[in-house]
Each structure stands twice: as structure tokens, then as C-alpha cells.
Amino acid sequence: MTFEVRPATADRFDDVATMLGPKNPDSTVCWCLSHRLPSKQSRSLLGAARGEYVRDLCGRDVAPGVLAYDGDTVVGWAAIAPRAELPFERSRLIPHVDDLPVWSAWCIRVRSGHRRRGISLPLLEGAVAYAREHGAPAVEGYPVDNHGQKVDQTMAYVGTRGLFERAGFTKAADTDSISGGFPRVVMRRDLT
């Protein structure tokens, strides 16, 4: 099966909302902002303000992520951005491997009803390609090292070490972070 991956630009905001937004627009849900913004700023955005913040992100020169499509149907989302713009830059749990200005891929989400069809890999590869197009020297991810064990669906957004390895990443470091009961690792793919 072939999926097309496109940047999450302003003209695709409705598809971003399909992937990230709540059924009730006044609900305060992540909108993939909990790892994009400092926690105080993230907590201050309530209800519809979260979606409006993401709408503004989609209007910037560099999109906040990429979307996967099966034909005209949006089926996946991957967040990608320069690490320097993210709380990961100051994380005490996820170490810096070196001073390279890497980009981070931290959220991979496949739409309900479309899972288990092989969407995550082309979605992650599309995020890497987008970062490369924008001059990233490398991309990091911080997935769980689950050794093939099932990951709770609510925590699966960080990805698995196996997924990142299939996308050409290698383990760069251990972390002090845990997600869904599994340790997270720094996975890196050099693009130079």
C-alpha cells in the first residue's frame, strides 16, 4: 500500500484538526502541543485556543509536522521541528548527544480505523524527508524501547525503537524518561 505524505500547511489545517483535534472544540486536549511548548504555556491554552495556536503554526514557513494520506483521506500525523524550538532542548530526562542542531520527531499518530496498515513507517520517513528539505543535519526521535511488547495505545504516539530502526535510525543514547512503562531511548538518523 502506498501513502502520500505532505506538510501540514495552512491549507491542510482541516486535516490537521481531524488528526489532532477533539470532537468537542471546547475540550482541552493535547493538539500535539504538550511537547512543543513549555508546560506553563501549554497549560495556559484552553479549549479552542489550542486549535487556533496549531492553525497559526500551520501558517508558518516551516510546517509543524506532516500528514499521511490514503488517496484523499488523511490517515496519519507526525510532528517534526528543530529541537532548539522545543522543550526537548532543555530536557533533564532526554540528553543531548552532541551540539548538532538536530530536528526532533516526537509524535506519530495513525487515525483510528487505519491502524495496522503500515502507515507509521512512511509517515516517519516523510517527516525525515521534510526535515532534510529544510536543512536538518539529523533527526532524533525519543521512542520506547519495548522489545516487541505491546505498547498501550494512549502512549504509542512516541513510537517504538523498532519503527525508528526500520526508518534508518540508530540508537544514540539512553534517557531517564519512561513512557507507558517502557524506557525511552534517543534514536538518530544522520542526513548529511
N, C-alpha and C. Protein backbone atom coordinates (compact mmCIF):
# COMPACT_ATOMS: atom_id res chain seq x y z
N MET A 1 0.83 -1.17 0.00
CA MET A 1 0.00 0.00 0.00
C MET A 1 0.88 1.25 0.00
N THR A 2 0.51 2.26 -0.76
CA THR A 2 1.29 3.48 -0.84
C THR A 2 0.52 4.62 -0.20
N PHE A 3 1.21 5.37 0.63
CA PHE A 3 0.63 6.53 1.29
C PHE A 3 1.44 7.75 0.88
N GLU A 4 0.76 8.86 0.66
CA GLU A 4 1.44 10.10 0.32
C GLU A 4 1.59 10.92 1.59
N VAL A 5 2.75 11.52 1.79
CA VAL A 5 3.00 12.34 2.96
C VAL A 5 3.21 13.78 2.51
N ARG A 6 2.47 14.69 3.14
CA ARG A 6 2.52 16.11 2.77
C ARG A 6 2.70 16.98 4.02
N PRO A 7 3.30 18.16 3.88
CA PRO A 7 3.46 19.04 5.05
C PRO A 7 2.10 19.53 5.55
N ALA A 8 2.03 19.76 6.85
CA ALA A 8 0.80 20.24 7.49
C ALA A 8 0.73 21.76 7.36
N THR A 9 0.40 22.21 6.17
CA THR A 9 0.33 23.64 5.86
C THR A 9 -1.06 24.18 6.16
N ALA A 10 -1.20 25.51 6.09
CA ALA A 10 -2.46 26.17 6.43
C ALA A 10 -3.63 25.63 5.61
N ASP A 11 -3.39 25.34 4.35
CA ASP A 11 -4.48 24.84 3.51
C ASP A 11 -4.90 23.41 3.88
N ARG A 12 -4.13 22.76 4.72
CA ARG A 12 -4.48 21.40 5.19
C ARG A 12 -4.88 21.40 6.66
N PHE A 13 -5.18 22.58 7.21
CA PHE A 13 -5.49 22.63 8.64
C PHE A 13 -6.68 21.76 9.01
N ASP A 14 -7.70 21.66 8.16
CA ASP A 14 -8.85 20.81 8.49
C ASP A 14 -8.40 19.36 8.69
N ASP A 15 -7.42 18.91 7.91
CA ASP A 15 -6.90 17.56 8.08
C ASP A 15 -6.08 17.44 9.36
N VAL A 16 -5.34 18.50 9.72
CA VAL A 16 -4.62 18.51 10.99
C VAL A 16 -5.64 18.40 12.13
N ALA A 17 -6.73 19.16 12.03
CA ALA A 17 -7.77 19.11 13.06
C ALA A 17 -8.40 17.73 13.15
N THR A 18 -8.57 17.06 12.02
CA THR A 18 -9.09 15.70 12.03
C THR A 18 -8.17 14.78 12.81
N MET A 19 -6.87 14.96 12.64
CA MET A 19 -5.90 14.09 13.30
C MET A 19 -5.68 14.45 14.77
N LEU A 20 -5.74 15.72 15.12
CA LEU A 20 -5.32 16.14 16.45
C LEU A 20 -6.42 16.74 17.32
N GLY A 21 -7.47 17.22 16.70
CA GLY A 21 -8.50 17.95 17.44
C GLY A 21 -9.53 17.05 18.10
N PRO A 22 -10.17 17.58 19.15
CA PRO A 22 -11.22 16.83 19.84
C PRO A 22 -12.54 16.92 19.09
N LYS A 23 -13.44 15.99 19.39
CA LYS A 23 -14.79 16.06 18.81
C LYS A 23 -15.50 17.32 19.31
N ASN A 24 -15.28 17.66 20.58
CA ASN A 24 -15.85 18.88 21.15
C ASN A 24 -14.77 19.96 21.09
N PRO A 25 -14.96 21.00 20.26
CA PRO A 25 -13.92 22.01 20.07
C PRO A 25 -13.52 22.75 21.35
N ASP A 26 -14.37 22.71 22.37
CA ASP A 26 -14.04 23.40 23.63
C ASP A 26 -13.25 22.53 24.59
N SER A 27 -13.02 21.28 24.24
CA SER A 27 -12.23 20.40 25.09
C SER A 27 -10.77 20.83 25.06
N THR A 28 -10.12 20.63 26.17
CA THR A 28 -8.69 20.93 26.24
C THR A 28 -7.93 19.61 26.10
N VAL A 29 -7.46 19.36 24.89
CA VAL A 29 -6.67 18.16 24.61
C VAL A 29 -5.33 18.59 24.06
N CYS A 30 -4.46 17.65 23.85
CA CYS A 30 -3.06 17.93 23.51
C CYS A 30 -2.88 18.77 22.25
N TRP A 31 -3.52 18.43 21.14
CA TRP A 31 -3.28 19.07 19.85
C TRP A 31 -1.79 19.00 19.48
N CYS A 32 -1.07 18.02 20.05
CA CYS A 32 0.36 17.85 19.83
C CYS A 32 1.16 19.07 20.28
N LEU A 33 0.69 19.70 21.35
CA LEU A 33 1.37 20.86 21.90
C LEU A 33 2.12 20.58 23.19
N SER A 34 1.83 19.46 23.84
CA SER A 34 2.43 19.22 25.15
C SER A 34 3.95 19.05 25.09
N HIS A 35 4.49 18.64 23.96
CA HIS A 35 5.93 18.54 23.81
C HIS A 35 6.50 19.62 22.88
N ARG A 36 5.63 20.47 22.37
CA ARG A 36 6.07 21.57 21.50
C ARG A 36 6.27 22.85 22.30
N LEU A 37 5.48 23.01 23.35
CA LEU A 37 5.51 24.24 24.14
C LEU A 37 6.00 23.98 25.55
N PRO A 38 6.58 24.98 26.20
CA PRO A 38 6.89 24.82 27.62
C PRO A 38 5.58 24.52 28.38
N SER A 39 5.66 23.72 29.43
CA SER A 39 4.46 23.24 30.10
C SER A 39 3.54 24.38 30.58
N LYS A 40 4.10 25.46 31.09
CA LYS A 40 3.27 26.57 31.56
C LYS A 40 2.46 27.17 30.40
N GLN A 41 3.11 27.37 29.26
CA GLN A 41 2.40 27.91 28.09
C GLN A 41 1.36 26.92 27.58
N SER A 42 1.71 25.65 27.54
CA SER A 42 0.77 24.63 27.08
C SER A 42 -0.47 24.59 27.98
N ARG A 43 -0.26 24.64 29.29
CA ARG A 43 -1.40 24.62 30.23
C ARG A 43 -2.27 25.86 30.12
N SER A 44 -1.68 26.98 29.68
CA SER A 44 -2.46 28.22 29.60
C SER A 44 -3.39 28.25 28.38
N LEU A 45 -3.15 27.41 27.40
CA LEU A 45 -4.01 27.37 26.21
C LEU A 45 -5.17 26.41 26.47
N LEU A 46 -6.36 26.94 26.55
CA LEU A 46 -7.53 26.14 26.88
C LEU A 46 -8.48 26.04 25.70
N GLY A 47 -9.15 24.90 25.61
CA GLY A 47 -10.19 24.70 24.61
C GLY A 47 -9.77 25.04 23.21
N ALA A 48 -10.60 25.86 22.55
CA ALA A 48 -10.40 26.21 21.15
C ALA A 48 -9.08 26.96 20.91
N ALA A 49 -8.51 27.60 21.94
CA ALA A 49 -7.26 28.33 21.77
C ALA A 49 -6.12 27.40 21.35
N ARG A 50 -6.21 26.13 21.74
CA ARG A 50 -5.18 25.17 21.36
C ARG A 50 -5.21 24.95 19.84
N GLY A 51 -6.38 24.76 19.30
CA GLY A 51 -6.52 24.58 17.86
C GLY A 51 -6.10 25.81 17.09
N GLU A 52 -6.41 26.98 17.61
CA GLU A 52 -6.01 28.22 16.94
C GLU A 52 -4.50 28.39 16.95
N TYR A 53 -3.86 27.95 18.02
CA TYR A 53 -2.39 28.01 18.07
C TYR A 53 -1.80 27.11 16.98
N VAL A 54 -2.36 25.92 16.83
CA VAL A 54 -1.88 24.99 15.80
C VAL A 54 -2.19 25.55 14.40
N ARG A 55 -3.34 26.19 14.25
CA ARG A 55 -3.65 26.82 12.95
C ARG A 55 -2.55 27.84 12.60
N ASP A 56 -2.14 28.64 13.59
CA ASP A 56 -1.07 29.61 13.34
C ASP A 56 0.24 28.90 12.98
N LEU A 57 0.55 27.80 13.66
CA LEU A 57 1.76 27.04 13.32
C LEU A 57 1.73 26.56 11.87
N CYS A 58 0.56 26.15 11.42
CA CYS A 58 0.43 25.64 10.05
C CYS A 58 0.64 26.75 9.01
N GLY A 59 0.49 28.00 9.42
CA GLY A 59 0.68 29.12 8.51
C GLY A 59 2.11 29.61 8.43
N ARG A 60 3.00 29.05 9.22
CA ARG A 60 4.41 29.47 9.20
C ARG A 60 5.13 28.87 7.99
N ASP A 61 6.33 29.40 7.74
CA ASP A 61 7.14 28.90 6.61
C ASP A 61 7.49 27.43 6.76
N VAL A 62 7.73 26.99 7.98
CA VAL A 62 8.02 25.58 8.25
C VAL A 62 6.81 24.99 8.97
N ALA A 63 6.21 24.00 8.37
CA ALA A 63 5.01 23.36 8.93
C ALA A 63 5.36 22.66 10.25
N PRO A 64 4.38 22.48 11.14
CA PRO A 64 4.64 21.83 12.42
C PRO A 64 4.73 20.31 12.35
N GLY A 65 4.51 19.77 11.18
CA GLY A 65 4.56 18.33 11.01
C GLY A 65 4.12 17.94 9.62
N VAL A 66 3.89 16.66 9.46
CA VAL A 66 3.45 16.13 8.17
C VAL A 66 2.21 15.27 8.36
N LEU A 67 1.47 15.13 7.28
CA LEU A 67 0.24 14.33 7.26
C LEU A 67 0.39 13.21 6.24
N ALA A 68 -0.14 12.04 6.56
CA ALA A 68 -0.17 10.92 5.61
C ALA A 68 -1.58 10.81 5.04
N TYR A 69 -1.62 10.51 3.76
CA TYR A 69 -2.90 10.37 3.06
C TYR A 69 -2.98 9.02 2.37
N ASP A 70 -4.17 8.44 2.43
CA ASP A 70 -4.53 7.28 1.63
C ASP A 70 -5.53 7.81 0.63
N GLY A 71 -5.06 8.11 -0.57
CA GLY A 71 -5.90 8.83 -1.53
C GLY A 71 -6.12 10.23 -1.01
N ASP A 72 -7.40 10.63 -0.86
CA ASP A 72 -7.73 11.95 -0.33
C ASP A 72 -8.02 11.94 1.17
N THR A 73 -7.91 10.78 1.80
CA THR A 73 -8.25 10.65 3.22
C THR A 73 -7.01 10.79 4.08
N VAL A 74 -7.04 11.73 5.02
CA VAL A 74 -5.93 11.88 5.95
C VAL A 74 -5.94 10.70 6.92
N VAL A 75 -4.79 10.05 7.08
CA VAL A 75 -4.73 8.84 7.92
C VAL A 75 -3.62 8.90 8.98
N GLY A 76 -2.76 9.94 8.93
CA GLY A 76 -1.68 9.98 9.90
C GLY A 76 -1.08 11.36 10.08
N TRP A 77 -0.40 11.53 11.20
CA TRP A 77 0.27 12.78 11.58
C TRP A 77 1.60 12.44 12.20
N ALA A 78 2.63 13.23 11.89
CA ALA A 78 3.91 13.15 12.58
C ALA A 78 4.40 14.56 12.85
N ALA A 79 4.72 14.84 14.11
CA ALA A 79 5.26 16.15 14.49
C ALA A 79 6.76 16.14 14.25
N ILE A 80 7.26 17.23 13.69
CA ILE A 80 8.70 17.37 13.42
C ILE A 80 9.04 18.86 13.49
N ALA A 81 10.16 19.16 14.16
CA ALA A 81 10.60 20.55 14.29
C ALA A 81 12.04 20.57 14.77
N PRO A 82 12.72 21.70 14.57
CA PRO A 82 14.06 21.83 15.14
C PRO A 82 14.00 21.67 16.66
N ARG A 83 14.87 20.83 17.21
CA ARG A 83 14.88 20.61 18.66
C ARG A 83 15.06 21.92 19.42
N ALA A 84 15.81 22.87 18.86
CA ALA A 84 16.06 24.14 19.53
C ALA A 84 14.77 24.91 19.82
N GLU A 85 13.69 24.61 19.10
CA GLU A 85 12.40 25.29 19.31
C GLU A 85 11.51 24.56 20.31
N LEU A 86 11.97 23.46 20.86
CA LEU A 86 11.12 22.58 21.66
C LEU A 86 11.62 22.45 23.10
N PRO A 87 10.75 22.05 24.01
CA PRO A 87 11.19 21.79 25.38
C PRO A 87 12.26 20.69 25.46
N PHE A 88 12.36 19.81 24.47
CA PHE A 88 13.42 18.80 24.47
C PHE A 88 14.80 19.44 24.57
N GLU A 89 14.92 20.67 24.09
CA GLU A 89 16.19 21.38 24.13
C GLU A 89 16.69 21.55 25.57
N ARG A 90 15.73 21.67 26.50
CA ARG A 90 16.09 21.91 27.91
C ARG A 90 15.76 20.71 28.80
N SER A 91 15.44 19.59 28.22
CA SER A 91 15.01 18.42 29.00
C SER A 91 16.13 17.89 29.89
N ARG A 92 15.75 17.56 31.11
CA ARG A 92 16.69 16.91 32.02
C ARG A 92 16.63 15.39 31.87
N LEU A 93 15.59 14.88 31.19
CA LEU A 93 15.40 13.44 31.04
C LEU A 93 15.92 12.89 29.72
N ILE A 94 15.90 13.72 28.69
CA ILE A 94 16.34 13.29 27.36
C ILE A 94 17.62 14.05 27.03
N PRO A 95 18.76 13.36 27.03
CA PRO A 95 20.04 14.05 26.88
C PRO A 95 20.32 14.50 25.44
N HIS A 96 21.20 15.47 25.35
CA HIS A 96 21.76 15.86 24.05
C HIS A 96 22.92 14.91 23.76
N VAL A 97 22.96 14.41 22.56
CA VAL A 97 24.06 13.53 22.15
C VAL A 97 25.31 14.37 21.86
N ASP A 98 25.07 15.52 21.22
CA ASP A 98 26.15 16.45 20.87
C ASP A 98 25.51 17.80 20.60
N ASP A 99 26.25 18.71 20.00
CA ASP A 99 25.74 20.06 19.75
C ASP A 99 25.14 20.25 18.36
N LEU A 100 24.98 19.18 17.61
CA LEU A 100 24.41 19.27 16.28
C LEU A 100 22.98 19.83 16.36
N PRO A 101 22.60 20.77 15.49
CA PRO A 101 21.25 21.34 15.54
C PRO A 101 20.20 20.40 14.91
N VAL A 102 19.95 19.30 15.61
CA VAL A 102 19.04 18.27 15.10
C VAL A 102 17.60 18.73 15.13
N TRP A 103 16.78 18.03 14.37
CA TRP A 103 15.33 18.17 14.45
C TRP A 103 14.82 16.99 15.26
N SER A 104 13.65 17.16 15.86
CA SER A 104 13.03 16.11 16.66
C SER A 104 11.71 15.68 16.05
N ALA A 105 11.50 14.37 16.03
CA ALA A 105 10.21 13.76 15.66
C ALA A 105 9.70 13.11 16.94
N TRP A 106 8.58 13.57 17.47
CA TRP A 106 8.17 13.10 18.79
C TRP A 106 6.74 12.58 18.87
N CYS A 107 5.97 12.74 17.85
CA CYS A 107 4.58 12.27 17.90
C CYS A 107 4.22 11.67 16.56
N ILE A 108 3.84 10.41 16.58
CA ILE A 108 3.41 9.72 15.37
C ILE A 108 2.03 9.15 15.67
N ARG A 109 1.07 9.59 14.91
CA ARG A 109 -0.31 9.20 15.21
C ARG A 109 -0.99 8.70 13.94
N VAL A 110 -1.60 7.54 14.04
CA VAL A 110 -2.36 6.97 12.92
C VAL A 110 -3.83 7.01 13.32
N ARG A 111 -4.63 7.43 12.40
CA ARG A 111 -6.06 7.61 12.64
C ARG A 111 -6.75 6.28 12.94
N SER A 112 -7.65 6.32 13.90
CA SER A 112 -8.44 5.15 14.25
C SER A 112 -9.14 4.63 12.98
N GLY A 113 -9.16 3.32 12.83
CA GLY A 113 -9.75 2.71 11.65
C GLY A 113 -8.74 2.49 10.53
N HIS A 114 -7.54 3.03 10.69
CA HIS A 114 -6.49 2.90 9.67
C HIS A 114 -5.22 2.28 10.23
N ARG A 115 -5.25 1.88 11.47
CA ARG A 115 -4.06 1.32 12.11
C ARG A 115 -3.78 -0.08 11.59
N ARG A 116 -2.55 -0.53 11.79
CA ARG A 116 -2.09 -1.86 11.38
C ARG A 116 -2.10 -2.04 9.87
N ARG A 117 -1.87 -0.93 9.16
CA ARG A 117 -1.80 -0.97 7.69
C ARG A 117 -0.45 -0.49 7.18
N GLY A 118 0.50 -0.30 8.10
CA GLY A 118 1.83 0.11 7.67
C GLY A 118 1.97 1.59 7.39
N ILE A 119 1.20 2.42 8.07
CA ILE A 119 1.24 3.86 7.83
C ILE A 119 2.38 4.54 8.60
N SER A 120 2.72 4.04 9.77
CA SER A 120 3.71 4.72 10.63
C SER A 120 5.06 4.86 9.95
N LEU A 121 5.52 3.84 9.26
CA LEU A 121 6.84 3.91 8.63
C LEU A 121 6.91 4.98 7.54
N PRO A 122 6.01 4.99 6.55
CA PRO A 122 6.11 6.07 5.56
C PRO A 122 5.85 7.45 6.17
N LEU A 123 5.08 7.51 7.24
CA LEU A 123 4.84 8.77 7.92
C LEU A 123 6.14 9.29 8.55
N LEU A 124 6.86 8.43 9.26
CA LEU A 124 8.13 8.82 9.85
C LEU A 124 9.15 9.16 8.76
N GLU A 125 9.20 8.35 7.71
CA GLU A 125 10.11 8.64 6.60
C GLU A 125 9.78 9.98 5.94
N GLY A 126 8.49 10.29 5.84
CA GLY A 126 8.07 11.58 5.28
C GLY A 126 8.48 12.74 6.17
N ALA A 127 8.42 12.55 7.49
CA ALA A 127 8.87 13.59 8.42
C ALA A 127 10.36 13.83 8.27
N VAL A 128 11.13 12.75 8.12
CA VAL A 128 12.57 12.86 7.92
C VAL A 128 12.86 13.61 6.61
N ALA A 129 12.15 13.26 5.56
CA ALA A 129 12.35 13.93 4.26
C ALA A 129 12.03 15.42 4.36
N TYR A 130 10.99 15.76 5.11
CA TYR A 130 10.63 17.16 5.28
C TYR A 130 11.75 17.91 6.02
N ALA A 131 12.28 17.30 7.08
CA ALA A 131 13.38 17.92 7.82
C ALA A 131 14.60 18.10 6.91
N ARG A 132 14.90 17.08 6.11
CA ARG A 132 16.04 17.17 5.18
C ARG A 132 15.85 18.33 4.21
N GLU A 133 14.63 18.48 3.67
CA GLU A 133 14.34 19.58 2.73
C GLU A 133 14.58 20.94 3.37
N HIS A 134 14.48 21.00 4.68
CA HIS A 134 14.64 22.27 5.40
C HIS A 134 16.01 22.38 6.08
N GLY A 135 16.96 21.57 5.63
CA GLY A 135 18.34 21.71 6.06
C GLY A 135 18.73 21.02 7.35
N ALA A 136 17.90 20.14 7.87
CA ALA A 136 18.26 19.44 9.11
C ALA A 136 19.47 18.54 8.86
N PRO A 137 20.49 18.60 9.73
CA PRO A 137 21.64 17.71 9.57
C PRO A 137 21.36 16.31 10.09
N ALA A 138 20.36 16.18 10.96
CA ALA A 138 19.98 14.89 11.53
C ALA A 138 18.61 15.03 12.16
N VAL A 139 17.95 13.90 12.34
CA VAL A 139 16.65 13.86 13.03
C VAL A 139 16.77 12.90 14.19
N GLU A 140 16.23 13.31 15.34
CA GLU A 140 16.16 12.45 16.51
C GLU A 140 14.72 12.12 16.82
N GLY A 141 14.53 10.96 17.43
CA GLY A 141 13.25 10.57 17.99
C GLY A 141 13.51 10.02 19.37
N TYR A 142 12.47 9.93 20.18
CA TYR A 142 12.61 9.50 21.57
C TYR A 142 11.58 8.41 21.88
N PRO A 143 11.63 7.31 21.12
CA PRO A 143 10.63 6.25 21.26
C PRO A 143 10.90 5.36 22.46
N VAL A 144 9.92 4.50 22.72
CA VAL A 144 10.09 3.50 23.78
C VAL A 144 10.90 2.32 23.24
N ASP A 145 11.68 1.74 24.13
CA ASP A 145 12.42 0.51 23.82
C ASP A 145 11.62 -0.62 24.44
N ASN A 146 10.61 -1.08 23.69
CA ASN A 146 9.63 -2.02 24.23
C ASN A 146 9.94 -3.48 23.94
N HIS A 147 11.03 -3.78 23.27
CA HIS A 147 11.45 -5.15 22.98
C HIS A 147 10.31 -6.00 22.40
N GLY A 148 9.51 -5.39 21.55
CA GLY A 148 8.43 -6.10 20.88
C GLY A 148 7.16 -6.28 21.69
N GLN A 149 7.17 -5.82 22.93
CA GLN A 149 5.96 -5.93 23.76
C GLN A 149 4.94 -4.89 23.33
N LYS A 150 3.69 -5.19 23.58
CA LYS A 150 2.60 -4.29 23.22
C LYS A 150 2.70 -2.99 24.02
N VAL A 151 2.50 -1.88 23.34
CA VAL A 151 2.52 -0.56 23.96
C VAL A 151 1.09 -0.06 24.05
N ASP A 152 0.69 0.44 25.21
CA ASP A 152 -0.65 0.98 25.40
C ASP A 152 -0.93 2.05 24.33
N GLN A 153 -2.08 1.98 23.71
CA GLN A 153 -2.43 2.86 22.59
C GLN A 153 -2.32 4.34 22.96
N THR A 154 -2.63 4.70 24.20
CA THR A 154 -2.56 6.11 24.58
C THR A 154 -1.13 6.61 24.67
N MET A 155 -0.16 5.70 24.82
CA MET A 155 1.24 6.09 24.93
C MET A 155 2.05 5.75 23.68
N ALA A 156 1.41 5.17 22.68
CA ALA A 156 2.11 4.72 21.48
C ALA A 156 2.57 5.86 20.59
N TYR A 157 2.10 7.07 20.84
CA TYR A 157 2.45 8.21 19.99
C TYR A 157 3.95 8.48 19.92
N VAL A 158 4.72 8.06 20.92
CA VAL A 158 6.16 8.31 20.90
C VAL A 158 6.88 7.39 19.92
N GLY A 159 6.22 6.36 19.46
CA GLY A 159 6.82 5.40 18.55
C GLY A 159 7.62 4.35 19.31
N THR A 160 8.09 3.37 18.57
CA THR A 160 8.89 2.29 19.15
C THR A 160 10.28 2.30 18.54
N ARG A 161 11.21 1.75 19.27
CA ARG A 161 12.58 1.65 18.76
C ARG A 161 12.59 0.90 17.43
N GLY A 162 11.81 -0.17 17.33
CA GLY A 162 11.76 -0.95 16.09
C GLY A 162 11.30 -0.13 14.90
N LEU A 163 10.29 0.72 15.08
CA LEU A 163 9.83 1.59 14.00
C LEU A 163 10.95 2.52 13.55
N PHE A 164 11.61 3.14 14.51
CA PHE A 164 12.69 4.06 14.16
C PHE A 164 13.85 3.32 13.48
N GLU A 165 14.15 2.11 13.91
CA GLU A 165 15.20 1.34 13.25
C GLU A 165 14.82 1.03 11.81
N ARG A 166 13.56 0.67 11.57
CA ARG A 166 13.11 0.40 10.19
C ARG A 166 13.22 1.64 9.31
N ALA A 167 13.18 2.83 9.93
CA ALA A 167 13.29 4.09 9.18
C ALA A 167 14.74 4.57 9.09
N GLY A 168 15.70 3.70 9.47
CA GLY A 168 17.10 4.04 9.29
C GLY A 168 17.75 4.75 10.47
N PHE A 169 17.08 4.81 11.60
CA PHE A 169 17.64 5.44 12.80
C PHE A 169 18.47 4.41 13.57
N THR A 170 19.45 4.90 14.33
CA THR A 170 20.21 4.04 15.23
C THR A 170 20.16 4.64 16.63
N LYS A 171 20.33 3.78 17.61
CA LYS A 171 20.30 4.24 19.00
C LYS A 171 21.52 5.12 19.25
N ALA A 172 21.27 6.32 19.81
CA ALA A 172 22.34 7.26 20.10
C ALA A 172 22.59 7.40 21.59
N ALA A 173 21.56 7.14 22.42
CA ALA A 173 21.73 7.30 23.87
C ALA A 173 20.53 6.72 24.60
N ASP A 174 20.76 6.38 25.86
CA ASP A 174 19.67 6.06 26.77
C ASP A 174 19.12 7.37 27.32
N THR A 175 17.93 7.33 27.91
CA THR A 175 17.35 8.50 28.55
C THR A 175 16.92 8.12 29.97
N ASP A 176 16.51 9.11 30.72
CA ASP A 176 15.91 8.87 32.03
C ASP A 176 14.39 8.97 31.95
N SER A 177 13.86 8.95 30.74
CA SER A 177 12.42 9.10 30.52
C SER A 177 11.77 7.72 30.34
N ILE A 178 10.56 7.61 30.86
CA ILE A 178 9.74 6.40 30.75
C ILE A 178 8.41 6.80 30.12
N SER A 179 7.88 5.97 29.25
CA SER A 179 6.57 6.21 28.66
C SER A 179 5.82 4.88 28.58
N GLY A 180 4.65 4.85 29.16
CA GLY A 180 3.85 3.63 29.13
C GLY A 180 4.54 2.45 29.80
N GLY A 181 5.42 2.74 30.76
CA GLY A 181 6.13 1.68 31.47
C GLY A 181 7.40 1.20 30.81
N PHE A 182 7.76 1.79 29.67
CA PHE A 182 8.97 1.39 28.95
C PHE A 182 9.98 2.53 28.94
N PRO A 183 11.28 2.18 28.98
CA PRO A 183 12.29 3.23 28.87
C PRO A 183 12.29 3.82 27.46
N ARG A 184 12.59 5.10 27.39
CA ARG A 184 12.73 5.75 26.09
C ARG A 184 14.22 5.86 25.75
N VAL A 185 14.52 5.83 24.47
CA VAL A 185 15.90 5.97 24.01
C VAL A 185 15.96 7.09 22.98
N VAL A 186 17.14 7.65 22.80
CA VAL A 186 17.37 8.62 21.74
C VAL A 186 17.77 7.85 20.50
N MET A 187 16.99 7.98 19.44
CA MET A 187 17.30 7.38 18.16
C MET A 187 17.64 8.51 17.19
N ARG A 188 18.67 8.30 16.37
CA ARG A 188 19.10 9.37 15.48
C ARG A 188 19.33 8.84 14.07
N ARG A 189 18.99 9.70 13.12
CA ARG A 189 19.29 9.42 11.71
C ARG A 189 20.03 10.61 11.16
N ASP A 190 21.28 10.40 10.77
CA ASP A 190 22.07 11.48 10.17
C ASP A 190 21.63 11.70 8.74
N LEU A 191 21.59 12.96 8.33
CA LEU A 191 21.10 13.31 6.98
C LEU A 191 22.19 13.93 6.12
N THR A 192 23.40 14.04 6.63
CA THR A 192 24.47 14.66 5.85
C THR A 192 25.28 13.62 5.11
